[in-house]
N, C-alpha and C. Protein backbone atom coordinates (compact mmCIF):
# COMPACT_ATOMS: atom_id res chain seq x y z
N UNK A 1 219.11 103.43 38.13
CA UNK A 1 217.90 103.44 37.20
C UNK A 1 216.77 102.68 37.57
N UNK A 2 217.20 101.50 38.25
CA UNK A 2 216.03 100.58 38.70
C UNK A 2 214.96 101.52 39.52
N UNK A 3 215.42 102.27 40.49
CA UNK A 3 214.48 102.93 41.24
C UNK A 3 213.51 103.93 40.44
N UNK A 4 214.06 104.42 39.40
CA UNK A 4 213.27 105.39 38.61
C UNK A 4 212.22 104.32 37.78
N UNK A 5 212.64 103.44 37.40
CA UNK A 5 211.97 102.49 36.67
C UNK A 5 210.64 102.09 37.65
N UNK A 6 211.09 101.59 38.77
CA UNK A 6 210.05 101.31 39.71
C UNK A 6 209.02 102.46 39.98
N UNK A 7 209.60 103.55 40.18
CA UNK A 7 208.64 104.56 40.41
C UNK A 7 207.64 104.87 39.23
N UNK A 8 208.05 104.81 38.15
CA UNK A 8 207.40 104.98 36.97
C UNK A 8 206.37 103.84 36.82
N UNK A 9 206.75 102.61 36.99
CA UNK A 9 205.78 101.41 37.02
C UNK A 9 204.86 101.40 38.12
N UNK A 10 204.98 101.98 39.21
CA UNK A 10 204.20 102.14 40.34
C UNK A 10 203.30 103.37 40.46
N UNK A 11 203.51 104.13 39.37
CA UNK A 11 202.91 105.56 39.36
C UNK A 11 201.44 105.33 39.51
N UNK A 12 200.81 106.30 40.48
CA UNK A 12 199.48 106.38 40.78
C UNK A 12 199.02 107.71 40.38
N UNK A 13 197.72 108.02 40.50
CA UNK A 13 197.20 109.09 40.26
C UNK A 13 197.67 110.11 41.48
N UNK A 14 198.42 111.34 41.17
CA UNK A 14 198.81 112.23 42.08
C UNK A 14 198.58 113.77 41.75
N UNK A 15 198.25 114.44 42.57
CA UNK A 15 198.15 115.84 42.31
C UNK A 15 199.14 116.54 43.37
N UNK A 16 200.14 117.12 42.84
CA UNK A 16 201.15 117.88 43.66
C UNK A 16 200.46 118.86 44.80
N UNK A 17 200.38 118.70 45.94
CA UNK A 17 199.70 119.64 46.75
C UNK A 17 200.39 121.04 46.78
N UNK A 18 199.34 122.08 46.79
CA UNK A 18 200.01 123.37 46.98
C UNK A 18 200.97 123.44 48.17
N UNK A 19 202.14 124.00 48.05
CA UNK A 19 202.93 124.54 48.98
C UNK A 19 203.00 126.08 49.23
N UNK A 20 203.25 126.16 50.41
CA UNK A 20 203.20 127.76 50.75
C UNK A 20 204.43 128.16 49.95
N UNK A 21 204.19 129.48 49.39
CA UNK A 21 205.28 129.84 48.69
C UNK A 21 206.23 130.80 49.51
N UNK A 22 206.98 130.09 50.59
CA UNK A 22 207.71 130.67 51.51
C UNK A 22 209.06 129.98 51.52
N UNK A 23 210.17 131.04 51.48
CA UNK A 23 211.64 130.58 51.29
C UNK A 23 212.00 129.71 52.58
N UNK A 24 211.33 129.77 53.77
CA UNK A 24 211.93 128.89 54.69
C UNK A 24 211.18 127.41 54.53
N UNK A 25 210.01 127.42 53.99
CA UNK A 25 209.34 126.20 53.83
C UNK A 25 210.20 125.55 52.52
N UNK A 26 210.55 126.13 51.60
CA UNK A 26 211.36 125.68 50.36
C UNK A 26 212.51 125.05 51.05
N UNK A 27 213.24 125.99 51.87
CA UNK A 27 214.57 125.57 52.21
C UNK A 27 214.56 124.36 53.04
N UNK A 28 213.64 124.20 53.89
CA UNK A 28 213.41 123.02 54.82
C UNK A 28 213.02 121.86 53.96
N UNK A 29 212.35 121.94 53.05
CA UNK A 29 211.83 120.77 52.17
C UNK A 29 213.09 120.40 51.38
N UNK A 30 213.75 121.20 50.91
CA UNK A 30 215.00 121.01 49.92
C UNK A 30 216.05 120.23 50.93
N UNK A 31 216.31 120.80 51.96
CA UNK A 31 217.17 120.28 52.88
C UNK A 31 216.89 118.74 53.45
N UNK A 32 215.68 118.53 53.38
CA UNK A 32 215.27 117.28 53.85
C UNK A 32 215.34 116.28 52.73
N UNK A 33 215.54 116.59 51.39
CA UNK A 33 215.80 115.74 50.24
C UNK A 33 217.21 115.87 49.78
N UNK A 34 218.09 116.77 50.28
CA UNK A 34 219.53 116.61 50.05
C UNK A 34 220.22 118.10 49.72
N UNK A 35 219.40 119.13 49.92
CA UNK A 35 220.27 120.31 49.88
C UNK A 35 221.12 120.44 50.87
N UNK A 36 222.47 120.80 50.63
CA UNK A 36 223.47 120.98 51.69
C UNK A 36 222.95 122.18 52.60
N UNK A 37 223.24 121.98 53.96
CA UNK A 37 222.82 123.01 54.82
C UNK A 37 223.29 124.40 54.74
N UNK A 38 224.44 124.72 53.92
CA UNK A 38 224.97 126.01 53.85
C UNK A 38 224.23 126.81 52.64
N UNK A 39 223.32 126.13 52.03
CA UNK A 39 222.54 126.76 51.16
C UNK A 39 221.04 127.12 51.55
N UNK A 40 220.48 128.26 51.04
CA UNK A 40 219.23 128.79 51.54
C UNK A 40 218.40 129.27 50.28
N UNK A 41 217.24 129.28 50.41
CA UNK A 41 216.29 129.77 49.50
C UNK A 41 215.86 131.34 50.13
N UNK A 42 216.06 132.29 49.45
CA UNK A 42 215.63 133.72 49.99
C UNK A 42 214.63 134.06 49.00
N UNK A 43 214.16 135.23 49.46
CA UNK A 43 213.01 135.98 48.74
C UNK A 43 213.66 137.31 48.49
N UNK A 44 213.38 137.75 47.19
CA UNK A 44 213.87 139.05 46.70
C UNK A 44 212.69 140.07 46.80
N UNK A 45 212.90 141.27 47.35
CA UNK A 45 211.73 142.15 47.62
C UNK A 45 211.81 143.28 46.67
N UNK A 46 212.94 143.44 45.76
CA UNK A 46 213.19 144.52 44.74
C UNK A 46 214.46 144.34 44.20
N UNK A 47 214.58 144.95 43.19
CA UNK A 47 216.10 144.86 42.41
C UNK A 47 216.88 146.16 42.73
N UNK A 48 216.45 146.97 43.57
CA UNK A 48 217.48 148.16 43.86
C UNK A 48 218.50 147.64 44.45
N UNK A 49 219.75 148.22 44.34
CA UNK A 49 221.03 147.83 44.99
C UNK A 49 220.89 147.51 46.48
N UNK A 50 220.31 148.49 47.26
CA UNK A 50 220.07 148.58 48.56
C UNK A 50 219.37 147.29 48.93
N UNK A 51 218.39 146.95 48.36
CA UNK A 51 217.57 145.76 48.65
C UNK A 51 218.32 144.42 48.29
N UNK A 52 219.09 144.43 47.29
CA UNK A 52 219.79 143.16 46.79
C UNK A 52 220.83 143.02 47.78
N UNK A 53 221.39 143.90 48.38
CA UNK A 53 222.37 143.79 49.37
C UNK A 53 222.18 142.91 50.54
N UNK A 54 220.81 142.78 50.80
CA UNK A 54 220.43 141.82 51.88
C UNK A 54 220.54 140.46 51.57
N UNK A 55 220.55 140.00 50.21
CA UNK A 55 220.63 138.59 49.94
C UNK A 55 222.01 137.86 50.31
N UNK A 56 221.86 136.65 50.63
CA UNK A 56 223.15 135.87 50.95
C UNK A 56 223.86 135.89 49.82
N UNK A 57 225.16 135.93 49.98
CA UNK A 57 226.25 135.91 48.93
C UNK A 57 227.13 134.57 48.90
N UNK A 58 227.28 133.89 47.87
CA UNK A 58 226.93 134.29 46.67
C UNK A 58 225.70 133.77 46.13
N UNK A 59 224.79 134.46 45.25
CA UNK A 59 223.58 134.21 44.80
C UNK A 59 223.81 133.24 43.71
N UNK A 60 223.24 132.19 43.59
CA UNK A 60 223.61 131.12 42.64
C UNK A 60 222.50 131.01 41.74
N UNK A 61 221.42 131.39 41.94
CA UNK A 61 220.27 131.39 41.10
C UNK A 61 219.01 132.36 41.51
N UNK A 62 218.29 132.62 40.41
CA UNK A 62 217.21 133.66 40.74
C UNK A 62 215.91 133.01 39.98
N UNK A 63 214.96 132.94 40.67
CA UNK A 63 213.45 132.26 40.15
C UNK A 63 212.53 133.47 40.25
N UNK A 64 212.09 133.70 38.98
CA UNK A 64 211.09 134.73 38.81
C UNK A 64 209.61 134.03 38.66
N UNK A 65 208.76 134.46 39.56
CA UNK A 65 207.47 133.95 39.31
C UNK A 65 206.53 135.01 38.83
N UNK A 66 205.83 134.56 37.63
CA UNK A 66 205.00 135.62 37.07
C UNK A 66 203.60 134.75 37.03
N UNK A 67 202.40 135.56 37.47
CA UNK A 67 201.14 135.03 37.38
C UNK A 67 200.61 135.30 36.25
N UNK A 68 199.99 134.08 35.56
CA UNK A 68 199.21 134.11 34.22
C UNK A 68 198.16 134.96 34.51
N UNK A 69 197.74 135.92 33.54
CA UNK A 69 196.60 136.80 33.59
C UNK A 69 195.27 135.79 33.27
N UNK A 70 195.48 135.29 32.13
CA UNK A 70 194.13 134.61 31.67
C UNK A 70 194.71 133.14 31.12
N UNK A 71 194.36 132.26 32.05
CA UNK A 71 194.87 130.81 31.92
C UNK A 71 193.85 130.23 30.49
N UNK A 72 192.81 130.80 30.31
CA UNK A 72 192.04 130.22 29.28
C UNK A 72 192.76 130.46 27.94
N UNK A 73 193.64 131.43 27.81
CA UNK A 73 194.26 131.73 26.59
C UNK A 73 195.63 130.93 26.51
N UNK A 74 196.05 130.19 27.45
CA UNK A 74 197.02 129.34 27.38
C UNK A 74 196.97 128.32 26.31
N UNK A 75 198.07 128.14 25.57
CA UNK A 75 198.14 127.27 24.45
C UNK A 75 199.31 126.31 24.53
N UNK A 76 199.25 125.12 24.14
CA UNK A 76 200.26 124.14 24.13
C UNK A 76 201.33 124.78 23.13
N UNK A 77 202.58 125.04 23.83
CA UNK A 77 203.52 125.59 22.90
C UNK A 77 204.39 124.63 22.06
N UNK A 78 204.13 123.30 22.17
CA UNK A 78 204.78 122.28 21.48
C UNK A 78 206.26 121.94 22.03
N UNK A 79 207.14 121.25 21.26
CA UNK A 79 208.48 121.11 21.63
C UNK A 79 209.22 122.37 21.65
N UNK A 80 210.12 122.29 22.53
CA UNK A 80 211.14 123.57 22.68
C UNK A 80 212.02 123.56 21.39
N UNK A 81 212.11 124.72 20.86
CA UNK A 81 213.14 124.90 19.79
C UNK A 81 214.52 124.92 20.17
N UNK A 82 215.33 124.09 19.56
CA UNK A 82 216.74 124.01 19.70
C UNK A 82 217.06 122.89 20.73
N UNK A 83 218.24 122.83 21.19
CA UNK A 83 218.88 121.73 21.94
C UNK A 83 218.65 122.31 23.50
N UNK A 84 218.05 121.34 24.21
CA UNK A 84 217.62 121.60 25.56
C UNK A 84 218.89 121.14 26.40
N UNK A 85 219.87 120.70 25.92
CA UNK A 85 221.05 120.40 26.61
C UNK A 85 221.99 121.66 26.71
N UNK A 86 221.43 122.88 26.65
CA UNK A 86 222.32 124.06 26.95
C UNK A 86 222.33 124.00 28.70
N UNK A 87 221.70 123.22 29.29
CA UNK A 87 221.73 123.13 30.74
C UNK A 87 221.91 121.51 30.97
N UNK A 88 222.41 121.34 32.24
CA UNK A 88 222.50 120.03 32.60
C UNK A 88 221.19 119.35 32.95
N UNK A 89 220.42 119.91 33.47
CA UNK A 89 219.06 119.38 33.90
C UNK A 89 217.79 120.35 33.51
N UNK A 90 216.86 119.68 32.80
CA UNK A 90 215.71 120.41 32.51
C UNK A 90 214.59 119.39 32.43
N UNK A 91 213.45 119.76 33.22
CA UNK A 91 212.19 118.92 33.15
C UNK A 91 210.94 119.73 32.72
N UNK A 92 210.10 119.05 32.10
CA UNK A 92 208.93 119.54 31.81
C UNK A 92 207.98 119.69 32.98
N UNK A 93 206.87 120.35 32.90
CA UNK A 93 205.96 120.48 34.03
C UNK A 93 204.61 120.04 33.45
N UNK A 94 204.02 119.14 34.16
CA UNK A 94 202.63 118.68 33.70
C UNK A 94 201.56 119.14 34.48
N UNK A 95 200.36 118.85 34.04
CA UNK A 95 199.17 119.41 34.83
C UNK A 95 199.17 118.75 36.15
N UNK A 96 199.71 117.52 36.30
CA UNK A 96 199.74 117.00 37.78
C UNK A 96 200.73 117.66 38.66
N UNK A 97 201.77 118.25 37.93
CA UNK A 97 202.72 119.05 38.78
C UNK A 97 202.41 120.65 38.67
N UNK A 98 201.19 120.96 38.50
CA UNK A 98 201.07 122.29 38.21
C UNK A 98 201.30 123.17 39.60
N UNK A 99 201.08 122.72 40.67
CA UNK A 99 201.22 123.36 41.94
C UNK A 99 202.74 123.22 42.41
N UNK A 100 203.65 122.54 41.55
CA UNK A 100 204.93 122.21 41.97
C UNK A 100 206.09 123.31 41.30
N UNK A 101 205.51 124.42 40.71
CA UNK A 101 206.13 125.17 39.80
C UNK A 101 207.62 125.76 40.65
N UNK A 102 207.29 126.01 41.95
CA UNK A 102 208.49 126.49 42.78
C UNK A 102 209.49 125.56 43.04
N UNK A 103 209.10 124.30 43.25
CA UNK A 103 209.96 123.25 43.48
C UNK A 103 210.69 122.92 42.30
N UNK A 104 209.95 122.77 41.00
CA UNK A 104 210.64 122.48 39.99
C UNK A 104 211.62 123.65 39.58
N UNK A 105 211.29 124.91 39.74
CA UNK A 105 212.28 125.94 39.58
C UNK A 105 213.57 125.86 40.42
N UNK A 106 213.33 125.39 41.77
CA UNK A 106 214.45 125.12 42.72
C UNK A 106 215.30 123.98 42.20
N UNK A 107 214.60 123.02 41.75
CA UNK A 107 215.30 121.87 41.03
C UNK A 107 216.32 122.29 39.93
N UNK A 108 215.76 123.28 39.08
CA UNK A 108 216.48 123.48 37.91
C UNK A 108 217.72 124.36 38.49
N UNK A 109 217.49 125.20 39.45
CA UNK A 109 218.59 126.07 39.91
C UNK A 109 219.70 125.16 40.69
N UNK A 110 219.15 124.35 41.36
CA UNK A 110 220.19 123.38 42.07
C UNK A 110 220.96 122.52 41.32
N UNK A 111 220.27 121.86 40.43
CA UNK A 111 220.92 120.80 39.45
C UNK A 111 221.73 121.52 38.26
N UNK A 112 221.43 122.73 38.09
CA UNK A 112 222.16 123.28 36.91
C UNK A 112 223.26 124.24 37.62
N UNK A 113 223.53 124.30 39.00
CA UNK A 113 224.56 125.00 39.59
C UNK A 113 225.94 124.36 39.48
N UNK A 114 226.94 125.42 39.17
CA UNK A 114 228.42 124.79 39.12
C UNK A 114 228.85 124.48 40.59
N UNK A 115 228.35 125.08 41.63
CA UNK A 115 228.51 124.67 43.05
C UNK A 115 227.99 123.28 43.29
N UNK A 116 228.53 122.71 44.32
CA UNK A 116 228.20 121.34 44.78
C UNK A 116 227.19 121.65 45.95
N UNK A 117 225.88 121.58 45.37
CA UNK A 117 224.80 121.96 46.42
C UNK A 117 223.96 120.72 47.14
N UNK A 118 224.47 119.50 46.68
CA UNK A 118 223.67 118.44 46.85
C UNK A 118 224.46 117.46 47.90
N UNK A 119 223.80 116.91 48.93
CA UNK A 119 224.65 115.88 49.82
C UNK A 119 224.66 114.77 49.11
N UNK A 120 225.92 113.85 49.11
CA UNK A 120 226.10 112.69 48.55
C UNK A 120 224.91 111.58 49.17
N UNK A 121 224.54 110.84 48.32
CA UNK A 121 223.73 109.61 48.84
C UNK A 121 222.29 110.22 49.31
N UNK A 122 221.79 111.36 49.00
CA UNK A 122 220.47 111.85 49.42
C UNK A 122 219.70 111.57 48.27
N UNK A 123 218.46 111.94 48.64
CA UNK A 123 217.37 111.67 47.56
C UNK A 123 217.65 112.57 46.45
N UNK A 124 217.99 113.81 46.68
CA UNK A 124 218.30 114.62 45.42
C UNK A 124 219.42 114.11 44.59
N UNK A 125 220.53 113.74 45.36
CA UNK A 125 221.62 113.09 44.63
C UNK A 125 221.13 111.84 43.79
N UNK A 126 220.37 111.03 44.24
CA UNK A 126 219.81 109.93 43.60
C UNK A 126 219.06 110.24 42.31
N UNK A 127 218.23 111.34 42.62
CA UNK A 127 217.21 111.87 41.57
C UNK A 127 218.20 112.42 40.47
N UNK A 128 219.30 113.22 40.68
CA UNK A 128 220.03 113.81 39.65
C UNK A 128 220.81 112.54 38.85
N UNK A 129 221.14 111.62 39.56
CA UNK A 129 221.76 110.44 38.94
C UNK A 129 221.00 109.69 37.98
N UNK A 130 219.64 109.48 38.59
CA UNK A 130 218.71 108.62 37.84
C UNK A 130 218.07 109.46 36.68
N UNK A 131 218.15 110.73 36.58
CA UNK A 131 217.47 111.47 35.51
C UNK A 131 218.44 111.79 34.46
N UNK A 132 219.83 111.74 34.68
CA UNK A 132 220.73 112.11 33.58
C UNK A 132 220.62 111.80 32.22
N UNK A 133 219.93 110.74 31.96
CA UNK A 133 219.89 110.09 30.72
C UNK A 133 218.47 110.26 30.11
N UNK A 134 217.45 110.82 30.86
CA UNK A 134 216.13 110.98 30.60
C UNK A 134 215.80 112.28 29.91
N UNK A 135 214.84 112.11 29.20
CA UNK A 135 214.36 113.49 28.47
C UNK A 135 213.61 114.30 29.38
N UNK A 136 213.32 115.61 29.09
CA UNK A 136 212.42 116.33 30.07
C UNK A 136 211.07 115.83 30.14
N UNK A 137 210.51 115.28 29.35
CA UNK A 137 209.15 114.75 29.62
C UNK A 137 209.19 113.35 30.31
N UNK A 138 210.27 112.68 30.19
CA UNK A 138 210.31 111.34 30.89
C UNK A 138 210.68 111.84 32.39
N UNK A 139 211.33 112.86 32.85
CA UNK A 139 211.66 113.16 34.07
C UNK A 139 210.33 113.64 34.76
N UNK A 140 209.55 114.33 33.95
CA UNK A 140 208.15 114.84 34.52
C UNK A 140 207.34 113.69 34.88
């Protein structure tokens, strides 16, 4: 927990840089921080059986990206209703992390998987351990 505390205390202004929305880029980045090498991020080109047959199996998570049509109409939704402990890991997304939606979605998929997708003693392993007792807004 000391590392997380230090990171919070040392927090500087930061805007997450836009990353190319490319499965290979996500896979490389996530492997660099601790995703085991036998897992990959893939792109889905359609939901027909013939197209889905090209996905690596087993598929452990699906992330859907939906573009907001009118950002001016976005409103703060307030606190989530119900218990956010229906999953092991959940984090909020702030304005500073606006461009990190793909990575945050990947973190949700990886950290909520029943498979052991994380290399021990990696950055991702440390992040998972350090955030277990934090609220979604504290993780953010």
